[in-house]
Protein backbone atom coordinates (compact mmCIF):
# COMPACT_ATOMS: atom_id res chain seq x y z
CA MET A 1 -85.68 129.19 108.62
CA LYS A 2 -85.03 132.55 107.05
CA LEU A 3 -81.41 132.74 104.48
CA ALA A 4 -79.63 135.19 102.75
CA TYR A 5 -76.34 134.69 101.04
CA GLU A 6 -73.30 137.05 100.25
CA LEU A 7 -72.59 138.08 97.36
CA ASN A 8 -69.19 140.13 96.44
CA PRO A 9 -69.64 142.01 92.99
CA PRO A 10 -66.83 141.28 90.37
CA LYS A 11 -63.64 143.96 91.19
CA ILE A 12 -62.95 146.84 89.01
CA GLU A 13 -58.88 146.96 89.55
CA THR A 14 -56.66 144.30 90.49
CA ALA A 15 -53.51 145.09 91.93
CA GLY A 16 -53.98 148.78 90.71
CA VAL A 17 -54.61 148.10 87.32
CA ALA A 18 -58.59 148.38 86.00
CA ASN A 19 -60.31 145.27 84.52
CA LEU A 20 -62.59 147.35 82.15
CA ASN A 21 -61.95 145.08 79.36
CA SER A 22 -63.38 141.45 81.43
CA LEU A 23 -65.53 143.33 83.51
CA LYS A 24 -68.97 142.20 81.14
CA ILE A 25 -67.51 138.43 81.28
CA MET A 26 -66.96 139.05 85.25
CA MET A 27 -70.51 140.61 85.32
CA ASP A 28 -71.87 137.65 83.08
CA SER A 29 -70.28 135.21 85.44
CA PHE A 30 -71.85 136.90 88.62
CA GLN A 31 -75.42 136.55 87.62
CA GLU A 32 -75.16 133.15 86.98
CA ARG A 33 -73.48 132.57 90.20
CA ALA A 34 -76.64 134.76 91.23
CA GLY A 35 -79.42 132.68 89.03
CA LEU A 36 -78.04 128.72 91.22
CA LEU A 37 -79.52 130.72 94.65
CA GLN A 38 -82.78 131.02 92.92
CA GLY A 39 -85.09 128.28 95.24
CA LEU A 40 -82.31 128.16 97.64
CA VAL A 41 -82.23 131.50 99.50
CA ASP A 42 -84.85 134.15 100.81
CA GLY A 43 -82.39 137.09 99.73
CA ILE A 44 -79.04 138.22 98.04
CA HIS A 45 -76.58 140.70 100.08
CA LEU A 46 -74.08 142.47 97.69
CA THR A 47 -70.91 143.46 99.57
CA ASP A 48 -69.49 147.06 98.75
CA SER A 49 -65.52 147.19 98.02
CA VAL A 50 -64.34 145.10 100.43
CA LEU A 51 -61.00 146.05 102.12
CA GLY A 52 -61.10 149.47 100.00
CA ILE A 53 -61.29 146.99 96.33
CA PRO A 54 -62.77 148.81 94.13
CA ARG A 55 -66.05 146.65 93.50
CA VAL A 56 -68.79 146.87 90.95
CA SER A 57 -71.74 149.11 92.94
CA GLY A 58 -74.38 147.33 94.31
CA VAL A 59 -76.92 149.02 93.14
CA VAL A 60 -75.89 148.51 89.19
CA ALA A 61 -75.36 144.42 90.23
CA ALA A 62 -78.68 144.52 91.85
CA GLY A 63 -80.20 145.76 88.65
CA LEU A 64 -79.00 143.31 86.68
CA ILE A 65 -80.02 140.54 88.53
CA ARG A 66 -83.26 141.88 88.42
CA THR A 67 -82.85 141.28 84.75
CA ASN A 68 -83.28 137.73 85.36
CA SER A 69 -87.26 137.05 85.81
CA ALA A 70 -86.72 134.17 87.84
CA MET A 71 -84.53 136.33 90.50
CA GLY A 72 -87.02 139.58 90.32
CA ALA A 73 -89.07 138.94 93.21
CA ILE A 74 -86.03 137.98 95.44
CA PRO A 75 -85.27 140.49 98.43
CA ILE A 76 -81.77 142.13 97.56
CA THR A 77 -79.85 144.13 100.01
CA CYS A 78 -76.41 146.14 99.84
CA SER A 79 -73.51 147.46 102.09
CA LEU A 80 -72.11 151.11 101.65
CA ARG A 81 -69.19 152.19 102.80
CA ILE A 82 -69.62 155.44 103.63
CA ARG A 83 -65.82 156.08 104.16
CA ASP A 84 -65.62 156.80 100.40
CA ARG A 85 -68.68 159.03 100.09
CA SER A 86 -69.69 162.26 100.55
CA PRO A 87 -73.38 163.33 102.20
CA LEU A 88 -74.25 163.79 98.21
CA SER A 89 -73.09 160.78 96.51
CA ILE A 90 -75.02 158.43 99.98
CA SER A 91 -78.31 160.07 99.35
CA GLN A 92 -77.70 159.39 95.87
CA PHE A 93 -77.25 155.69 96.43
CA VAL A 94 -79.73 155.31 98.50
CA ALA A 95 -82.16 156.84 96.29
CA ASP A 96 -81.02 154.86 93.33
CA ALA A 97 -80.91 151.59 95.52
CA THR A 98 -85.32 152.69 95.96
CA LEU A 99 -85.32 152.76 92.45
CA VAL A 100 -83.53 149.07 91.30
CA GLY A 101 -85.74 147.67 94.29
CA ILE A 102 -82.92 147.24 97.02
CA LYS A 103 -84.68 146.32 100.19
CA GLY A 104 -82.27 147.55 102.23
CA VAL A 105 -78.99 149.11 102.67
CA LEU A 106 -76.05 148.12 105.95
CA PHE A 107 -73.84 151.15 106.21
CA VAL A 108 -70.54 150.73 107.41
CA ALA A 109 -67.55 152.96 107.56
CA GLY A 110 -65.30 150.98 105.84
CA ASP A 111 -61.33 150.02 106.18
CA ASP A 112 -59.02 152.66 105.11
CA SER A 113 -57.31 152.09 101.98
CA THR A 114 -55.33 153.72 99.64
CA HIS A 115 -58.81 155.03 97.83
CA SER A 116 -59.90 156.38 100.92
CA GLY A 117 -59.85 159.17 103.26
CA LYS A 118 -60.77 159.69 107.18
CA CYS A 119 -64.54 158.62 107.96
CA VAL A 120 -66.22 161.60 109.58
CA THR A 121 -69.37 160.59 109.96
CA LYS A 122 -70.43 157.39 112.04
CA PRO A 123 -73.00 154.86 110.24
CA SER A 124 -75.22 155.48 113.39
CA GLU A 125 -75.31 159.01 112.95
CA LEU A 126 -75.88 158.24 109.37
CA VAL A 127 -78.64 156.61 109.85
CA ARG A 128 -80.59 159.08 112.58
CA LYS A 129 -79.63 161.66 109.93
CA LEU A 130 -81.73 159.48 106.78
CA ARG A 131 -84.29 158.55 109.13
CA SER A 132 -85.07 162.53 110.14
CA THR A 133 -85.09 163.02 106.37
CA GLY A 134 -87.48 160.48 106.11
CA TYR A 135 -85.62 157.57 104.06
CA ASP A 136 -86.62 155.19 106.00
CA LYS A 137 -90.25 154.96 104.59
CA CYS A 138 -88.78 154.05 101.28
CA ILE A 139 -86.17 151.75 102.28
CA GLU A 140 -84.56 149.45 105.41
CA LEU A 141 -81.84 151.37 106.90
CA HIS A 142 -79.21 148.55 108.29
CA LEU A 143 -76.36 148.78 111.02
CA ALA A 144 -73.53 146.74 111.84
CA VAL A 145 -72.73 145.25 115.00
CA PRO A 146 -69.52 142.65 116.69
CA SER A 147 -70.27 139.44 117.11
CA ARG A 148 -70.39 139.54 120.92
CA ILE A 149 -72.25 142.17 123.05
CA THR A 150 -73.04 141.92 126.35
CA LYS A 151 -74.39 145.27 127.69
CA ASN A 152 -76.66 148.11 125.86
CA THR A 153 -74.15 150.28 126.22
CA GLU A 154 -71.75 148.67 124.23
CA ILE A 155 -73.99 149.35 121.14
CA GLN A 156 -76.16 152.42 122.81
CA GLY A 157 -75.68 154.56 120.08
CA LYS A 158 -76.16 152.50 117.26
CA ILE A 159 -79.84 151.69 119.15
CA GLU A 160 -80.57 155.21 119.52
CA ALA A 161 -80.57 155.59 115.61
CA LYS A 162 -83.10 152.88 115.27
CA PRO A 163 -82.37 150.89 112.50
CA ASP A 164 -84.38 148.52 110.88
CA ALA A 165 -81.82 145.77 111.15
CA PHE A 166 -78.67 144.65 113.08
CA ILE A 167 -76.50 142.49 110.59
CA THR A 168 -73.95 141.12 112.89
CA GLN A 169 -70.31 140.50 112.35
CA SER A 170 -69.45 136.36 111.36
CA ILE A 171 -70.47 134.58 114.52
CA ASP A 172 -69.29 131.52 116.30
CA SER A 173 -71.39 131.48 119.00
CA LEU A 174 -75.06 130.98 119.83
CA ASN A 175 -74.61 131.87 123.51
CA ALA A 176 -73.44 135.37 121.98
CA LEU A 177 -75.79 135.49 119.22
CA LYS A 178 -79.06 135.14 121.93
CA GLU A 179 -77.62 138.38 123.60
CA ILE A 180 -77.65 140.16 120.40
CA ALA A 181 -81.14 138.84 120.17
CA ASN A 182 -81.97 140.03 123.35
CA VAL A 183 -80.72 143.25 123.38
CA SER A 184 -81.62 143.86 119.92
CA HIS A 185 -85.26 142.58 120.29
CA GLU A 186 -85.83 144.24 123.20
CA HIS A 187 -85.85 147.97 121.02
CA GLU A 188 -88.04 146.42 118.63
CA ILE A 189 -84.75 146.10 116.15
CA LYS A 190 -84.37 142.55 114.06
CA VAL A 191 -80.98 140.45 113.72
CA ILE A 192 -79.61 139.07 111.38
CA ALA A 193 -76.81 136.70 112.27
CA CYS A 194 -73.97 136.48 109.50
CA ILE A 195 -72.26 132.84 109.82
CA MET A 196 -69.03 132.37 107.77
CA ILE A 197 -69.03 128.74 105.83
CA PRO A 198 -66.21 126.73 107.40
CA CYS A 199 -63.83 125.18 104.47
CA GLU A 200 -60.68 125.36 103.75
CA LYS A 201 -60.28 128.26 101.21
CA ASN A 202 -62.33 130.52 103.78
CA LYS A 203 -59.39 130.01 106.42
CA PRO A 204 -57.65 132.96 105.19
CA SER A 205 -60.55 135.42 105.67
CA ALA A 206 -61.97 133.54 109.03
CA LYS A 207 -57.94 134.58 110.35
CA SER A 208 -58.15 137.96 109.50
CA ILE A 209 -61.25 138.79 111.20
CA GLY A 210 -60.18 136.47 114.29
CA LEU A 211 -63.16 134.02 113.34
CA ASN A 212 -62.98 130.46 115.64
CA TRP A 213 -65.48 128.81 114.01
CA HIS A 214 -64.20 125.46 115.97
CA SER A 215 -67.91 125.60 117.70
CA TYR A 216 -69.13 124.25 114.53
CA GLU A 217 -66.63 123.30 112.08
CA THR A 218 -68.00 119.78 112.14
CA ALA A 219 -71.67 120.17 112.24
CA PRO A 220 -72.38 123.73 109.87
CA ILE A 221 -75.76 122.78 109.50
CA GLU A 222 -76.62 122.41 113.04
CA PHE A 223 -74.96 125.55 113.60
CA ILE A 224 -77.04 127.85 111.36
CA ARG A 225 -80.67 125.96 111.98
CA GLU A 226 -80.51 126.84 115.35
CA ALA A 227 -78.78 130.59 114.72
CA ALA A 228 -82.20 131.02 112.73
CA HIS A 229 -84.23 129.67 115.60
CA ILE A 230 -82.95 132.53 117.55
CA ALA A 231 -82.22 135.31 114.83
CA ASP A 232 -84.92 136.93 112.30
CA GLN A 233 -82.72 135.78 109.57
CA VAL A 234 -79.03 134.31 108.49
CA LEU A 235 -77.11 135.68 106.61
CA LEU A 236 -74.65 132.85 104.66
CA THR A 237 -71.26 134.10 103.86
CA SER A 238 -68.42 132.07 102.07
CA PRO A 239 -66.07 134.77 100.70
CA ASN A 240 -63.87 132.75 98.85
CA SER A 241 -65.97 129.54 97.64
CA PHE A 242 -68.99 129.99 96.02
CA LYS A 243 -69.29 126.14 95.58
CA ALA A 244 -68.69 125.76 99.42
CA GLY A 245 -71.61 127.20 100.09
CA LEU A 246 -73.94 126.13 97.94
CA GLU A 247 -73.28 122.87 99.00
CA ILE A 248 -74.23 123.89 102.48
CA LEU A 249 -77.34 125.51 101.37
CA HIS A 250 -78.67 122.57 99.49
CA GLN A 251 -77.80 120.64 102.51
CA LEU A 252 -80.22 123.05 104.19
CA LYS A 253 -82.85 122.32 101.84
CA THR A 254 -83.05 118.92 102.32
């Protein structure tokens, strides 16, 4: 079973006010959390300014994780909101990511925010362009897919972009995951199944994305293990409770 864990780099702003004076302290705490994952996961995924709230860049966060000798070899992937980026800055980000040893980048349009404008390029079109110019020879290019698909035509554009992997939205159905895996593997695309840890603190996040974890709330360990048999990797996310995520990881190792 291959497991990765999602970490959110610290926010740069809170309620429109910069956190720069306390950013070093928050980054120290972030690195401590990353260190606690040692021996429990096969990889770490770093988010990028969820909901349009500015956060420390995944490249910077990955570089700091790499400074911990015990964590130096762990595979790291990160998300990139292309809504906030020009073609030039996207190319720079991907190049920077390769230099710090990031394994792959997940390209997402990103939610609209006061900091962002209209997203003029689809993530699938961007991946296609990056592949045509050779970026895929140095780093994996990933795309997101819904938690449920039943036909190739629903994600045909993403399939044609030939990403290295599809990362699902948070799943709540193993049958739906099987459908995604069947479609993806038919085209030699890996599947990374995202699963949100069911706990009280994560309920607002689940509600905001329409996630119903009733099917696995009482038996998350079994659900995660079964998902790992279907997908190439499982990505665990616990946006509001690192403690709950850590508890699940320790249970999976027993």
